[in-house]
Protein backbone atom coordinates (compact mmCIF):
# COMPACT_ATOMS: atom_id res chain seq x y z
CA MET A 1 -3.84 20.37 0.00
CA ALA A 2 -5.97 17.23 -0.03
CA VAL A 3 -8.56 16.54 -2.69
CA LYS A 4 -11.90 14.92 -1.82
CA LEU A 5 -13.29 12.32 -4.19
CA HIS A 6 -17.06 11.87 -4.44
CA PRO A 7 -17.98 9.08 -6.88
CA ASP A 8 -21.37 9.52 -8.51
CA TRP A 9 -22.78 6.08 -9.33
CA GLU A 10 -26.33 5.08 -9.97
CA LEU A 11 -27.15 1.83 -8.19
CA PRO A 12 -30.39 -0.13 -7.88
CA ASP A 13 -32.59 0.41 -4.83
CA GLY A 14 -31.43 -1.62 -1.86
CA ALA A 15 -27.95 -2.19 -3.26
CA LEU A 16 -26.30 -0.29 -0.41
CA GLU A 17 -28.03 -1.75 2.61
CA GLU A 18 -25.88 -2.31 5.70
CA PRO A 19 -23.56 -4.05 6.34
CA PHE A 20 -22.76 -4.31 2.63
CA ARG A 21 -22.50 -0.52 2.28
CA THR A 22 -19.81 -0.20 4.95
CA ASP A 23 -17.88 -3.17 3.53
CA LEU A 24 -18.02 -1.71 0.01
CA VAL A 25 -16.84 1.73 1.12
CA GLU A 26 -13.93 0.19 3.04
CA ALA A 27 -12.97 -2.03 0.07
CA ILE A 28 -12.97 0.98 -2.28
CA ARG A 29 -10.92 3.04 0.17
CA ARG A 30 -8.41 0.19 0.64
CA GLU A 31 -8.07 -0.39 -3.11
CA ALA A 32 -7.60 3.34 -3.73
CA ALA A 33 -4.85 3.57 -1.10
CA LEU A 34 -3.04 0.53 -2.53
CA ARG A 35 -3.23 1.82 -6.10
CA LEU A 36 -2.17 5.34 -5.14
CA PHE A 37 0.84 3.89 -3.32
CA ALA A 38 1.66 1.59 -6.25
CA GLY A 39 1.52 4.56 -8.60
CA GLY A 40 3.93 6.50 -6.42
CA LYS A 41 1.28 9.12 -5.61
CA ILE A 42 1.30 8.65 -1.82
CA SER A 43 3.66 7.35 0.85
CA SER A 44 2.98 4.30 2.98
CA GLY A 45 2.39 6.64 5.91
CA TYR A 46 -0.27 8.58 4.01
CA GLY A 47 -1.88 5.32 2.86
CA ALA A 48 -2.05 4.18 6.47
CA GLN A 49 -3.59 7.50 7.47
CA MET A 50 -6.22 7.15 4.72
CA LEU A 51 -7.25 3.78 6.14
CA GLY A 52 -6.97 4.69 9.82
CA ILE A 53 -4.31 2.04 10.48
CA SER A 54 -0.65 2.05 11.48
CA ARG A 55 2.08 2.27 8.86
CA TRP A 56 3.13 -1.32 9.71
CA GLU A 57 -0.44 -2.52 9.18
CA PHE A 58 -0.43 -0.78 5.79
CA ILE A 59 2.84 -2.49 4.91
CA ASP A 60 1.25 -5.83 5.88
CA LEU A 61 -1.72 -4.98 3.66
CA LEU A 62 0.67 -4.29 0.77
CA ARG A 63 2.35 -7.64 1.33
CA GLU A 64 -0.99 -9.48 1.56
CA SER A 65 -2.26 -7.89 -1.65
CA GLY A 66 0.63 -9.45 -3.55
CA MET A 67 0.22 -6.96 -6.39
CA ILE A 68 2.31 -4.11 -5.09
CA PRO A 69 6.05 -4.27 -4.40
CA LEU A 70 7.00 -2.47 -1.21
CA PHE A 71 10.36 -1.45 -2.67
CA SER A 72 10.89 -0.37 -6.25
CA TYR A 73 14.39 -0.01 -7.59
CA GLY A 74 15.26 1.86 -10.76
CA GLU A 75 17.80 0.61 -13.26
CA GLY A 76 21.11 -0.03 -11.50
CA GLU A 77 19.84 0.94 -8.04
CA LEU A 78 19.62 -2.63 -6.74
CA ASP A 79 23.17 -3.34 -7.93
CA GLY A 80 24.34 -0.26 -6.02
CA GLU A 81 22.56 -1.40 -2.86
CA LEU A 82 24.00 -4.90 -3.13
CA GLY A 83 27.46 -3.46 -3.82
CA ALA A 84 27.26 -1.44 -0.63
CA LEU A 85 26.71 -4.67 1.30
CA ASP A 86 30.03 -6.03 0.00
CA GLY A 87 31.83 -3.70 2.43
CA PHE A 88 30.37 -5.45 5.46
CA ALA A 89 32.10 -8.33 7.22
CA PRO A 90 30.67 -11.76 6.48
CA VAL A 91 28.35 -13.18 9.09
CA LYS A 92 29.69 -16.22 10.88
CA PRO A 93 27.21 -19.06 11.47
CA HIS A 94 26.28 -19.82 15.06
CA ALA A 95 27.96 -22.89 16.48
């Protein structure tokens, strides 16, 4: 079940005139999706859905933000992944 968030902020008159209002709402939504993903609360697919973009666009947004790693390995997990690669044949350079 999804939860709806309704921030209650008091702002000065005229602070939310267009197009600033739309830009602000989109920036807040984008930041929320990035932080929820970074905190492990949502998947990249759900983040994309929140923003009305494709999953690949969300992944690009994660990369562009520079603050959120797309992959997060626990202790020893990266070593296990790299060890699994040792079983593959070496790639020969193109002549």
